[in-house]
Protein backbone atom coordinates (compact mmCIF):
# COMPACT_ATOMS: atom_id res chain seq x y z
CA MET A 1 -37.64 -20.56 59.15
CA PHE A 2 -38.53 -18.55 56.05
CA PHE A 3 -37.81 -15.33 57.97
CA LEU A 4 -34.25 -16.48 58.84
CA ARG A 5 -33.50 -17.44 55.21
CA ARG A 6 -34.76 -14.05 54.09
CA GLN A 7 -32.47 -12.25 56.58
CA VAL A 8 -29.45 -14.31 55.50
CA GLY A 9 -30.26 -13.61 51.84
CA MET A 10 -30.57 -9.89 52.58
CA LYS A 11 -27.19 -9.86 54.38
CA LYS A 12 -25.53 -11.61 51.41
CA LEU A 13 -27.12 -9.11 49.04
CA ILE A 14 -25.85 -6.18 51.12
CA ILE A 15 -22.33 -7.66 51.33
CA CYS A 16 -22.20 -8.32 47.58
CA THR A 17 -23.45 -4.82 46.82
CA ILE A 18 -20.85 -3.25 49.10
CA ARG A 19 -18.09 -5.33 47.50
CA ALA A 20 -19.21 -4.31 44.01
CA ILE A 21 -19.27 -0.64 44.99
CA ASN A 22 -15.82 -0.97 46.58
CA MET A 23 -14.37 -2.65 43.47
CA TYR A 24 -15.88 0.05 41.24
CA TYR A 25 -14.42 2.78 43.44
CA ILE A 26 -10.94 1.25 43.46
CA ASN A 27 -10.87 0.55 39.71
CA TYR A 28 -12.42 3.73 38.36
CA MET A 29 -12.44 6.51 40.95
CA HIS A 30 -9.44 6.14 43.26
CA LYS A 31 -6.39 7.26 41.26
CA GLU A 32 -2.84 7.45 42.54
CA PRO A 33 -0.91 10.49 41.32
CA CYS A 34 1.87 9.60 38.91
CA MET A 35 4.18 12.43 39.84
CA VAL A 36 4.12 13.18 43.54
CA SER A 37 7.17 15.42 43.65
CA TYR A 38 8.08 18.45 41.58
CA ASN A 39 11.68 17.28 41.32
CA ILE A 40 10.94 13.92 39.70
CA GLY A 41 10.13 15.39 36.29
CA ILE A 42 12.90 17.98 36.44
CA ARG A 43 15.47 15.37 37.49
CA TRP A 44 14.42 13.17 34.58
CA LEU A 45 14.70 16.06 32.12
CA ASN A 46 18.07 17.16 33.48
CA GLU A 47 19.37 13.61 33.13
CA VAL A 48 18.19 13.48 29.52
CA PHE A 49 19.60 16.94 28.77
CA ARG A 50 23.00 16.36 30.38
CA GLY A 51 24.32 13.21 28.83
CA TYR A 52 21.82 11.37 26.71
CA TRP A 53 21.68 13.27 23.42
CA LYS A 54 20.53 10.23 21.47
CA GLN A 55 17.79 9.50 24.01
CA CYS A 56 16.58 13.09 23.73
CA VAL A 57 16.35 12.77 19.94
CA ILE A 58 14.49 9.46 20.24
CA MET A 59 12.03 10.70 22.86
CA PHE A 60 11.33 14.20 21.57
CA MET A 61 12.25 13.86 17.86
CA MET A 62 14.61 16.86 18.19
CA ASP A 63 17.92 17.69 19.81
CA ILE A 64 18.34 19.61 23.05
CA THR A 65 19.11 23.01 21.53
CA THR A 66 16.06 22.88 19.27
CA LEU A 67 13.86 21.85 22.18
CA LEU A 68 15.15 24.66 24.40
CA SER A 69 14.73 27.25 21.65
CA LEU A 70 11.17 25.99 21.06
CA CYS A 71 10.42 26.43 24.78
CA ASN A 72 11.93 29.92 24.72
CA ASP A 73 9.87 30.91 21.64
CA LEU A 74 6.65 29.57 23.16
CA GLU A 75 7.29 31.51 26.35
CA THR A 76 8.32 34.82 24.80
CA GLN A 77 6.31 35.04 21.59
CA TYR A 78 3.19 33.03 22.45
CA ASN A 79 2.96 33.80 26.20
CA LEU A 80 3.00 30.20 27.39
CA ASN A 81 2.89 30.39 31.18
CA PRO A 82 4.32 27.86 33.63
CA LEU A 83 2.03 25.98 35.95
CA ARG A 84 2.32 26.11 39.70
CA ARG A 85 4.15 22.78 39.84
CA MET A 86 5.59 22.54 36.31
CA ASN A 87 7.82 24.88 34.35
CA ILE A 88 7.67 25.62 30.62
CA ILE A 89 10.22 22.99 29.65
CA GLY A 90 8.30 20.35 31.59
CA LYS A 91 5.01 21.27 29.93
CA VAL A 92 6.46 21.27 26.43
CA THR A 93 8.42 18.05 26.85
CA MET A 94 5.41 16.21 28.30
CA PHE A 95 3.30 17.34 25.34
CA ILE A 96 5.94 16.42 22.77
CA TYR A 97 6.59 13.08 24.47
CA THR A 98 2.91 12.11 24.34
CA GLN A 99 2.77 13.12 20.68
CA THR A 100 5.87 11.10 19.75
CA ILE A 101 4.58 8.05 21.62
CA GLY A 102 1.48 8.17 19.45
CA LYS A 103 3.60 8.51 16.31
CA CYS A 104 5.87 5.64 17.32
CA MET A 105 2.87 3.39 17.97
CA LYS A 106 1.46 4.10 14.49
CA ASP A 107 4.77 3.28 12.73
């Protein structure tokens, strides 16, 4: 009788351990990519650049012409290179957007 209780206790221990490992993996290790297509970021930027001047100023704290000239200066004078899946404008706008979010949260 003691042997059967010990086996059942060991099975419960194994099941609980596997569940804990699975929960840890799902919460901390398995990450879904935010941007799965190259065009998602570019489409978003084109939409902001085309008709939403005020939104561009709110999100990046500068107008479109200033942002584009900043990207051009970074590329030509400071040799900022595009990534395989992201161009210069995408890199700069993502950086500026994360910086302005931090500034907006502090205010």
